Amino acid sequence: MTNFWWNISIKVATLGACCLAVNSACLYTFNTLFYIKTKLWTCHTDLFRSSKPEEVIYYIIR
C-alpha cells in the first residue's frame, strides 16, 4: 500500500514540476511578446506625433 501512495506522490510531483516549467515558459513568452508589442506601439505613436498626416497614411498603407 505504501508503494501505491509513493507512486502517486511521485506522479503528482512530476506533474507539478511540468506545470511549473510550462507556466514559466509561457510567462516568459508572454512577457517577450508584450515587450515587442509595447515597443511597436511606441514606434507607432512616435510616428503619429512627429509626422505629417500624409506620411502616416503612406506608412499605414505600405
C-alpha atoms as a PDB file:
ATOM      1  CA  MET A   1       0.000   0.000   0.000  1.00  0.00           C
ATOM      2  CA  THR A   2       2.851   2.389   0.806  1.00  0.00           C
ATOM      3  CA  ASN A   3       4.299   1.719  -2.622  1.00  0.00           C
ATOM      4  CA  PHE A   4       0.981   2.788  -4.195  1.00  0.00           C
ATOM      5  CA  TRP A   5       0.980   6.152  -2.369  1.00  0.00           C
ATOM      6  CA  TRP A   6       4.675   6.616  -3.155  1.00  0.00           C
ATOM      7  CA  ASN A   7       3.927   6.182  -6.878  1.00  0.00           C
ATOM      8  CA  ILE A   8       1.056   8.656  -6.706  1.00  0.00           C
ATOM      9  CA  SER A   9       3.155  11.265  -4.888  1.00  0.00           C
ATOM     10  CA  ILE A  10       5.966  10.868  -7.450  1.00  0.00           C
ATOM     11  CA  LYS A  11       3.457  11.344 -10.296  1.00  0.00           C
ATOM     12  CA  VAL A  12       1.929  14.405  -8.617  1.00  0.00           C
ATOM     13  CA  ALA A  13       5.391  15.896  -8.046  1.00  0.00           C
ATOM     14  CA  THR A  14       6.367  15.258 -11.676  1.00  0.00           C
ATOM     15  CA  LEU A  15       3.133  16.784 -12.916  1.00  0.00           C
ATOM     16  CA  GLY A  16       3.670  19.809 -10.669  1.00  0.00           C
ATOM     17  CA  ALA A  17       7.210  20.273 -11.980  1.00  0.00           C
ATOM     18  CA  CYS A  18       6.000  20.035 -15.586  1.00  0.00           C
ATOM     19  CA  CYS A  19       3.228  22.556 -14.959  1.00  0.00           C
ATOM     20  CA  LEU A  20       5.706  24.920 -13.333  1.00  0.00           C
ATOM     21  CA  ALA A  21       8.098  24.626 -16.280  1.00  0.00           C
ATOM     22  CA  VAL A  22       5.324  25.198 -18.831  1.00  0.00           C
ATOM     23  CA  ASN A  23       3.982  28.109 -16.792  1.00  0.00           C
ATOM     24  CA  SER A  24       7.317  29.888 -16.611  1.00  0.00           C
ATOM     25  CA  ALA A  25       7.933  29.283 -20.325  1.00  0.00           C
ATOM     26  CA  CYS A  26       4.511  30.722 -21.177  1.00  0.00           C
ATOM     27  CA  LEU A  27       5.077  33.680 -18.878  1.00  0.00           C
ATOM     28  CA  TYR A  28       8.456  34.370 -20.494  1.00  0.00           C
ATOM     29  CA  THR A  29       6.944  34.179 -23.993  1.00  0.00           C
ATOM     30  CA  PHE A  30       4.030  36.416 -22.995  1.00  0.00           C
ATOM     31  CA  ASN A  31       6.383  38.984 -21.454  1.00  0.00           C
ATOM     32  CA  THR A  32       8.560  38.973 -24.574  1.00  0.00           C
ATOM     33  CA  LEU A  33       5.550  39.419 -26.866  1.00  0.00           C
ATOM     34  CA  PHE A  34       4.159  42.161 -24.630  1.00  0.00           C
ATOM     35  CA  TYR A  35       7.547  43.921 -24.695  1.00  0.00           C
ATOM     36  CA  ILE A  36       7.699  43.727 -28.507  1.00  0.00           C
ATOM     37  CA  LYS A  37       4.096  44.970 -28.785  1.00  0.00           C
ATOM     38  CA  THR A  38       4.860  47.876 -26.450  1.00  0.00           C
ATOM     39  CA  LYS A  39       7.941  48.762 -28.491  1.00  0.00           C
ATOM     40  CA  LEU A  40       5.939  48.655 -31.734  1.00  0.00           C
ATOM     41  CA  TRP A  41       3.166  50.751 -30.232  1.00  0.00           C
ATOM     42  CA  THR A  42       5.726  53.302 -29.038  1.00  0.00           C
ATOM     43  CA  CYS A  43       7.160  53.470 -32.557  1.00  0.00           C
ATOM     44  CA  HIS A  44       3.669  53.991 -33.967  1.00  0.00           C
ATOM     45  CA  THR A  45       2.761  56.732 -31.504  1.00  0.00           C
ATOM     46  CA  ASP A  46       6.099  58.446 -32.151  1.00  0.00           C
ATOM     47  CA  LEU A  47       5.347  58.264 -35.856  1.00  0.00           C
ATOM     48  CA  PHE A  48       1.874  59.719 -35.350  1.00  0.00           C
ATOM     49  CA  ARG A  49       3.219  62.514 -33.183  1.00  0.00           C
ATOM     50  CA  SER A  50       6.143  63.535 -35.340  1.00  0.00           C
ATOM     51  CA  SER A  51       4.933  63.056 -38.913  1.00  0.00           C
ATOM     52  CA  LYS A  52       2.738  64.864 -41.341  1.00  0.00           C
ATOM     53  CA  PRO A  53      -0.633  63.123 -41.917  1.00  0.00           C
ATOM     54  CA  GLU A  54       0.226  62.045 -45.462  1.00  0.00           C
ATOM     55  CA  GLU A  55       3.402  60.330 -44.227  1.00  0.00           C
ATOM     56  CA  VAL A  56       1.372  58.444 -41.617  1.00  0.00           C
ATOM     57  CA  ILE A  57      -1.162  57.294 -44.224  1.00  0.00           C
ATOM     58  CA  TYR A  58       1.665  56.207 -46.532  1.00  0.00           C
ATOM     59  CA  TYR A  59       3.284  54.271 -43.678  1.00  0.00           C
ATOM     60  CA  ILE A  60      -0.001  52.515 -42.783  1.00  0.00           C
ATOM     61  CA  ILE A  61      -0.756  51.556 -46.403  1.00  0.00           C
ATOM     62  CA  ARG A  62       2.777  50.352 -47.017  1.00  0.00           C
END
